[in-house]
């Protein structure tokens, strides 16, 4: 009769006892972190592992480090459902996933839609036992982000920022990039420039992009009528179309429009076309993000290119560094570079 070899029931405690070392030392050997372990001790532990037929599992590896090897990506968006088909969300996921896989870690996706109270958000963020959190919650108040950041689990904001130096984030410099692209319109001779500003009531990126628009206009002594700044509830195509329709009803119409997001810009483009006008000739449009739709027919949008995947990957690397070196971890703010992409949506102002 052939007897099946029984699976070992030995634990990390048994290995530590047999090799006469601490559990911490066994963990260092298992994880190949043997800088402070002598060669004699390492061989002693390996011999005990062999004799006990010990098979380390994830729980054993985590006993000392207390790490789960999991990163959470948390999305909190007001009013609109999270759309993982969109280029922006997809870029966030792809950039993070590439780094997480390279680090042999796992990923959880967590999201909350609507306007819950902060306590519900905090409970959802920390419900899962993870090593760190990539946070996409552009409408959450800074005081609440500070409360989350002051917990023991490290958090890095992705694609949005706070004014506080106590919170880690990776973003683009929305103010500077917006100012630069509005300067492009001014260089083309445009003086009547409007802004589809997006959700400036609760999203810092929208506020920063509006500030960049205003900075450029002020720098050149150009006035901005109140009717030329059109906020909205979100960065979606419908908002852009409705905002552009509002601008086209004005007795004195703008010759160019800075849209704080490419989805707003594509919606604005549709409204201009529906009104029998030509984008780039009758009215110039610029956007922000350079999502694939910005250069997909019928759109050919001049815009600010930000590398969403690269931005997300940088945020993930920063988070993992904070997870691995908590004793040296300090809040870190990073701005990723942007580029102005010139396409057919902009042309000289009509005289």
Protein backbone atom coordinates (compact mmCIF):
# COMPACT_ATOMS: atom_id res chain seq x y z
CA UNK A 1 0.00 0.00 0.00
CA UNK A 2 1.28 3.43 -0.91
CA UNK A 3 0.90 6.01 1.81
CA UNK A 4 0.42 9.63 0.82
CA UNK A 5 2.87 11.97 2.38
CA UNK A 6 1.03 14.02 4.97
CA UNK A 7 1.10 17.78 4.63
CA UNK A 8 3.23 19.32 7.33
CA UNK A 9 1.30 21.08 10.11
CA UNK A 10 4.42 22.82 11.34
CA UNK A 11 4.13 26.53 12.01
CA UNK A 12 6.57 29.40 12.08
CA UNK A 13 6.54 29.03 15.88
CA UNK A 14 7.78 25.43 15.53
CA UNK A 15 10.61 26.55 13.24
CA UNK A 16 11.64 29.27 15.69
CA UNK A 17 11.59 26.82 18.60
CA UNK A 18 13.57 24.12 16.79
CA UNK A 19 16.21 26.52 15.48
CA UNK A 20 16.33 28.36 18.85
CA UNK A 21 15.78 31.80 17.36
CA UNK A 22 13.00 34.38 17.43
CA UNK A 23 10.01 34.44 15.08
CA UNK A 24 11.39 37.70 13.73
CA UNK A 25 14.60 35.96 12.69
CA UNK A 26 12.67 33.18 10.95
CA UNK A 27 10.63 35.81 9.13
CA UNK A 28 13.81 37.57 7.96
CA UNK A 29 15.16 34.31 6.58
CA UNK A 30 11.86 33.52 4.84
CA UNK A 31 11.77 36.97 3.27
CA UNK A 32 15.50 36.88 2.44
CA UNK A 33 16.16 39.92 4.60
CA UNK A 34 19.28 38.49 6.18
CA UNK A 35 21.41 41.61 6.58
CA UNK A 36 21.29 41.25 10.38
CA UNK A 37 21.27 37.44 10.42
CA UNK A 38 24.53 35.52 10.60
CA UNK A 39 25.20 32.81 8.05
CA UNK A 40 25.25 30.22 10.84
CA UNK A 41 21.81 31.28 12.03
CA UNK A 42 20.42 31.37 8.49
CA UNK A 43 21.57 27.79 7.85
CA UNK A 44 20.18 26.75 11.22
CA UNK A 45 16.73 28.10 10.32
CA UNK A 46 16.83 26.54 6.85
CA UNK A 47 17.71 23.16 8.39
CA UNK A 48 14.78 23.41 10.81
CA UNK A 49 12.46 24.28 7.90
CA UNK A 50 13.67 21.25 5.99
CA UNK A 51 13.35 18.84 8.92
CA UNK A 52 9.86 20.06 9.81
CA UNK A 53 8.78 20.12 6.15
CA UNK A 54 7.55 23.65 6.86
CA UNK A 55 5.71 25.38 4.02
CA UNK A 56 5.54 29.13 4.65
CA UNK A 57 2.23 30.72 3.82
CA UNK A 58 1.21 34.33 3.59
CA UNK A 59 0.16 34.45 7.22
CA UNK A 60 3.57 33.24 8.35
CA UNK A 61 5.34 35.81 6.23
CA UNK A 62 3.21 38.58 7.68
CA UNK A 63 3.59 37.75 11.37
CA UNK A 64 6.43 40.17 11.94
CA UNK A 65 5.84 42.73 9.23
CA UNK A 66 2.08 42.83 9.87
CA UNK A 67 1.66 43.49 6.15
CA UNK A 68 -1.06 42.12 3.91
CA UNK A 69 0.77 42.81 0.64
CA UNK A 70 -2.41 44.52 -0.60
CA UNK A 71 -2.98 48.05 -1.86
CA UNK A 72 -6.44 49.59 -2.05
CA UNK A 73 -7.52 52.00 -4.77
CA UNK A 74 -10.38 54.03 -3.34
CA UNK A 75 -12.65 56.11 -5.58
CA UNK A 76 -15.15 58.57 -4.13
CA UNK A 77 -17.07 60.60 -6.68
CA UNK A 78 -20.00 62.90 -5.95
CA UNK A 79 -23.18 62.68 -8.01
CA UNK A 80 -21.84 60.56 -10.88
CA UNK A 81 -21.21 56.79 -11.11
CA UNK A 82 -17.61 55.59 -11.37
CA UNK A 83 -17.03 54.72 -15.04
CA UNK A 84 -14.10 52.34 -15.46
CA UNK A 85 -14.59 52.48 -19.23
CA UNK A 86 -13.53 56.12 -19.25
CA UNK A 87 -9.97 56.89 -20.33
CA UNK A 88 -9.20 58.73 -17.11
CA UNK A 89 -10.29 55.98 -14.72
CA UNK A 90 -8.78 53.31 -16.92
CA UNK A 91 -5.46 55.18 -16.94
CA UNK A 92 -5.46 55.32 -13.13
CA UNK A 93 -6.05 51.56 -12.89
CA UNK A 94 -3.51 50.59 -15.56
CA UNK A 95 -0.74 52.77 -14.11
CA UNK A 96 -1.26 51.44 -10.60
CA UNK A 97 -1.64 47.82 -11.69
CA UNK A 98 1.68 47.80 -13.57
CA UNK A 99 3.62 48.90 -10.48
CA UNK A 100 1.68 46.68 -8.08
CA UNK A 101 2.31 43.60 -10.24
CA UNK A 102 6.01 44.40 -10.51
CA UNK A 103 6.15 44.51 -6.70
CA UNK A 104 4.32 41.16 -6.44
CA UNK A 105 1.54 42.81 -4.48
CA UNK A 106 -2.24 42.58 -4.75
CA UNK A 107 -4.87 45.24 -5.38
CA UNK A 108 -8.37 45.93 -4.11
CA UNK A 109 -10.75 48.35 -5.84
CA UNK A 110 -13.16 50.18 -3.56
CA UNK A 111 -15.56 52.95 -4.48
CA UNK A 112 -18.32 55.06 -3.02
CA UNK A 113 -20.75 57.20 -5.02
CA UNK A 114 -22.88 60.08 -3.80
CA UNK A 115 -22.51 62.39 -0.85
CA UNK A 116 -22.24 60.23 2.28
CA UNK A 117 -21.08 61.66 5.58
CA UNK A 118 -17.38 61.58 6.34
CA UNK A 119 -17.69 58.80 8.90
CA UNK A 120 -19.09 56.48 6.24
CA UNK A 121 -16.21 57.35 3.91
CA UNK A 122 -13.62 56.73 6.64
CA UNK A 123 -15.18 53.38 7.52
CA UNK A 124 -15.22 52.35 3.87
CA UNK A 125 -11.61 53.40 3.28
CA UNK A 126 -10.28 51.43 6.25
CA UNK A 127 -12.76 48.53 6.11
CA UNK A 128 -10.25 46.33 4.31
CA UNK A 129 -6.99 45.26 5.90
CA UNK A 130 -4.50 46.75 3.43
CA UNK A 131 -0.98 48.14 3.60
CA UNK A 132 -1.81 51.46 1.91
CA UNK A 133 -4.47 53.40 0.02
CA UNK A 134 -4.37 55.23 -3.32
CA UNK A 135 -7.10 57.84 -2.90
CA UNK A 136 -9.11 59.37 -5.72
CA UNK A 137 -11.55 61.65 -3.92
CA UNK A 138 -11.24 65.13 -5.45
CA UNK A 139 -14.35 66.53 -3.76
CA UNK A 140 -13.50 65.48 -0.20
CA UNK A 141 -12.75 68.45 2.06
CA UNK A 142 -9.13 69.00 3.06
CA UNK A 143 -9.88 68.70 6.80
CA UNK A 144 -11.31 65.24 6.16
CA UNK A 145 -8.38 64.20 3.97
CA UNK A 146 -6.10 65.26 6.82
CA UNK A 147 -8.02 63.04 9.23
CA UNK A 148 -7.59 60.09 6.87
CA UNK A 149 -3.90 60.85 6.30
CA UNK A 150 -3.25 60.92 10.05
CA UNK A 151 -4.22 57.25 10.42
CA UNK A 152 -1.56 54.55 10.59
CA UNK A 153 -2.30 53.31 7.06
CA UNK A 154 -0.42 55.45 4.51
CA UNK A 155 -2.48 57.31 1.89
CA UNK A 156 -1.42 58.98 -1.37
CA UNK A 157 -3.83 61.14 -3.39
CA UNK A 158 -3.84 60.44 -7.13
CA UNK A 159 -4.65 63.13 -9.70
CA UNK A 160 -5.71 65.78 -7.21
CA UNK A 161 -4.06 67.74 -4.45
CA UNK A 162 -4.57 69.62 -1.23
CA UNK A 163 -2.95 72.82 -0.03
CA UNK A 164 -1.73 71.04 3.11
CA UNK A 165 1.89 69.88 3.22
CA UNK A 166 0.84 67.02 5.52
CA UNK A 167 -0.78 64.97 2.76
CA UNK A 168 1.06 63.02 0.05
CA UNK A 169 -0.15 63.45 -3.51
CA UNK A 170 0.90 63.08 -7.14
CA UNK A 171 -0.76 65.44 -9.61
CA UNK A 172 0.00 67.86 -12.43
CA UNK A 173 0.37 71.58 -11.79
CA UNK A 174 -3.12 72.43 -12.97
CA UNK A 175 -2.74 76.18 -12.46
CA UNK A 176 0.47 76.56 -14.47
CA UNK A 177 -0.65 74.24 -17.29
CA UNK A 178 -4.00 76.02 -17.62
CA UNK A 179 -2.29 79.41 -17.72
CA UNK A 180 0.02 78.17 -20.48
CA UNK A 181 -2.77 76.89 -22.73
CA UNK A 182 -4.79 80.10 -22.30
CA UNK A 183 -1.63 82.01 -23.27
CA UNK A 184 -1.73 80.01 -26.52
CA UNK A 185 -5.21 81.38 -27.24
CA UNK A 186 -4.06 84.91 -26.45
CA UNK A 187 -1.06 84.49 -28.77
CA UNK A 188 -3.56 83.62 -31.54
CA UNK A 189 -5.18 87.03 -31.05
CA UNK A 190 -8.13 85.98 -28.90
CA UNK A 191 -9.26 88.54 -26.37
CA UNK A 192 -12.82 87.38 -25.62
CA UNK A 193 -12.07 84.07 -23.93
CA UNK A 194 -14.59 82.18 -21.81
CA UNK A 195 -14.12 79.25 -19.42
CA UNK A 196 -16.16 76.09 -18.94
CA UNK A 197 -14.87 75.66 -15.42
CA UNK A 198 -16.34 72.37 -14.19
CA UNK A 199 -17.12 71.66 -10.51
CA UNK A 200 -15.32 74.62 -8.91
CA UNK A 201 -17.59 74.42 -5.86
CA UNK A 202 -15.93 71.28 -4.51
CA UNK A 203 -13.05 70.03 -6.71
CA UNK A 204 -9.57 71.49 -6.22
CA UNK A 205 -8.43 70.66 -9.76
CA UNK A 206 -11.30 72.69 -11.18
CA UNK A 207 -10.46 75.59 -8.87
CA UNK A 208 -6.80 75.44 -9.89
CA UNK A 209 -7.59 75.39 -13.62
CA UNK A 210 -9.93 78.35 -13.27
CA UNK A 211 -7.15 80.18 -11.39
CA UNK A 212 -4.74 79.47 -14.26
CA UNK A 213 -7.27 80.87 -16.75
CA UNK A 214 -7.76 84.00 -14.65
CA UNK A 215 -4.00 84.45 -14.20
CA UNK A 216 -3.39 84.43 -17.95
CA UNK A 217 -6.23 86.87 -18.63
CA UNK A 218 -5.12 89.22 -15.86
CA UNK A 219 -1.50 89.13 -17.01
CA UNK A 220 -2.58 90.53 -20.39
CA UNK A 221 -5.06 93.01 -18.96
CA UNK A 222 -8.05 91.15 -20.42
CA UNK A 223 -11.40 91.40 -18.65
CA UNK A 224 -13.58 88.37 -18.00
CA UNK A 225 -17.31 89.10 -17.83
CA UNK A 226 -19.12 87.09 -15.17
CA UNK A 227 -21.15 85.40 -17.91
CA UNK A 228 -17.90 84.06 -19.45
CA UNK A 229 -17.22 81.69 -16.52
CA UNK A 230 -19.62 78.74 -16.56
CA UNK A 231 -19.29 76.21 -13.71
CA UNK A 232 -20.98 72.80 -13.68
CA UNK A 233 -21.59 69.80 -11.44
CA UNK A 234 -18.91 67.64 -13.05
CA UNK A 235 -16.46 66.92 -15.85
CA UNK A 236 -18.85 65.24 -18.26
CA UNK A 237 -19.79 65.77 -21.90
CA UNK A 238 -23.34 66.90 -21.13
CA UNK A 239 -21.98 69.71 -18.93
CA UNK A 240 -19.78 70.89 -21.80
CA UNK A 241 -22.60 70.88 -24.31
CA UNK A 242 -24.98 72.76 -22.01
CA UNK A 243 -22.29 75.24 -20.97
CA UNK A 244 -21.37 75.98 -24.58
CA UNK A 245 -25.04 76.46 -25.50
CA UNK A 246 -25.25 79.01 -22.70
CA UNK A 247 -22.23 80.92 -24.05
CA UNK A 248 -23.59 80.90 -27.61
CA UNK A 249 -26.77 82.65 -26.43
CA UNK A 250 -24.82 85.67 -25.20
CA UNK A 251 -25.18 88.90 -27.19
CA UNK A 252 -21.38 89.28 -27.08
CA UNK A 253 -20.00 85.81 -27.68
CA UNK A 254 -16.47 84.58 -26.88
CA UNK A 255 -14.12 83.82 -29.76
CA UNK A 256 -12.41 81.09 -27.73
CA UNK A 257 -13.22 78.85 -24.77
CA UNK A 258 -10.90 77.19 -22.26
CA UNK A 259 -12.54 73.95 -21.12
CA UNK A 260 -11.20 72.63 -17.82
CA UNK A 261 -11.45 69.04 -19.03
CA UNK A 262 -11.49 67.21 -22.38
CA UNK A 263 -14.97 65.76 -21.80
CA UNK A 264 -16.28 69.30 -21.32
CA UNK A 265 -14.45 70.28 -24.52
CA UNK A 266 -15.95 67.47 -26.62
CA UNK A 267 -19.41 68.42 -25.37
CA UNK A 268 -18.69 72.05 -26.25
CA UNK A 269 -17.52 70.95 -29.71
CA UNK A 270 -20.85 69.18 -30.30
CA UNK A 271 -22.75 72.34 -29.32
CA UNK A 272 -20.68 74.54 -31.66
CA UNK A 273 -21.22 72.12 -34.56
CA UNK A 274 -24.95 71.88 -33.83
CA UNK A 275 -25.15 75.68 -34.00
CA UNK A 276 -23.78 75.59 -37.56
CA UNK A 277 -20.36 76.95 -36.57
CA UNK A 278 -16.90 75.50 -37.18
CA UNK A 279 -14.53 74.74 -34.33
CA UNK A 280 -11.13 76.32 -34.94
CA UNK A 281 -12.54 78.88 -37.38
CA UNK A 282 -15.60 80.48 -35.84
CA UNK A 283 -14.65 79.62 -32.27
CA UNK A 284 -11.54 78.02 -30.78
CA UNK A 285 -11.65 75.38 -28.05
CA UNK A 286 -8.97 73.99 -25.75
CA UNK A 287 -9.19 71.24 -23.14
CA UNK A 288 -7.20 69.47 -20.44
CA UNK A 289 -6.05 65.80 -20.13
CA UNK A 290 -5.51 64.63 -23.75
CA UNK A 291 -7.72 61.57 -23.42
CA UNK A 292 -7.90 59.42 -26.60
CA UNK A 293 -11.28 60.95 -27.50
CA UNK A 294 -9.57 64.35 -27.88
CA UNK A 295 -7.91 63.16 -31.09
CA UNK A 296 -10.61 60.78 -32.33
CA UNK A 297 -12.89 61.88 -35.19
CA UNK A 298 -14.70 64.26 -35.25
CA UNK A 299 -12.54 65.82 -32.54
CA UNK A 300 -9.09 67.28 -33.01
CA UNK A 301 -8.62 69.09 -29.74
CA UNK A 302 -5.81 71.36 -28.63
CA UNK A 303 -5.28 70.35 -25.02
CA UNK A 304 -2.99 69.90 -22.04
CA UNK A 305 -1.50 66.41 -22.10
CA UNK A 306 -1.08 64.80 -18.73
CA UNK A 307 0.13 61.22 -18.53
CA UNK A 308 -2.60 59.63 -16.38
CA UNK A 309 -0.92 56.21 -16.34
CA UNK A 310 2.45 57.73 -15.46
CA UNK A 311 0.88 59.87 -12.77
CA UNK A 312 -0.86 56.85 -11.23
CA UNK A 313 2.31 54.75 -11.44
CA UNK A 314 4.32 57.49 -9.68
CA UNK A 315 1.71 57.69 -6.91
CA UNK A 316 1.80 53.91 -6.49
CA UNK A 317 5.60 53.87 -6.26
CA UNK A 318 5.45 56.63 -3.64
CA UNK A 319 2.88 54.70 -1.61
CA UNK A 320 4.89 51.47 -1.73
CA UNK A 321 8.00 53.35 -0.61
CA UNK A 322 6.07 54.70 2.38
CA UNK A 323 4.78 51.20 3.16
CA UNK A 324 8.26 49.67 3.04
CA UNK A 325 10.03 52.44 4.95
CA UNK A 326 7.52 53.81 7.47
CA UNK A 327 10.23 55.11 9.79
CA UNK A 328 11.59 57.39 7.03
CA UNK A 329 8.22 58.28 5.55
CA UNK A 330 7.29 61.95 5.27
CA UNK A 331 4.39 63.55 3.38
CA UNK A 332 5.52 64.06 -0.20
CA UNK A 333 4.00 66.18 -2.97
CA UNK A 334 4.91 65.54 -6.59
CA UNK A 335 3.88 67.40 -9.74
CA UNK A 336 4.22 65.47 -12.99
CA UNK A 337 5.12 67.33 -16.22
CA UNK A 338 2.52 68.35 -18.81
CA UNK A 339 2.69 69.22 -22.50
CA UNK A 340 0.57 71.46 -24.73
CA UNK A 341 -0.72 69.55 -27.77
CA UNK A 342 -1.78 71.76 -30.69
CA UNK A 343 -4.53 70.43 -32.98
CA UNK A 344 -7.25 71.79 -35.26
CA UNK A 345 -9.57 73.17 -32.57
CA UNK A 346 -7.58 76.39 -32.30
CA UNK A 347 -6.98 79.08 -34.89
CA UNK A 348 -6.51 82.85 -35.17
CA UNK A 349 -9.25 85.05 -33.74
CA UNK A 350 -11.71 86.29 -36.36
CA UNK A 351 -11.30 90.01 -36.97
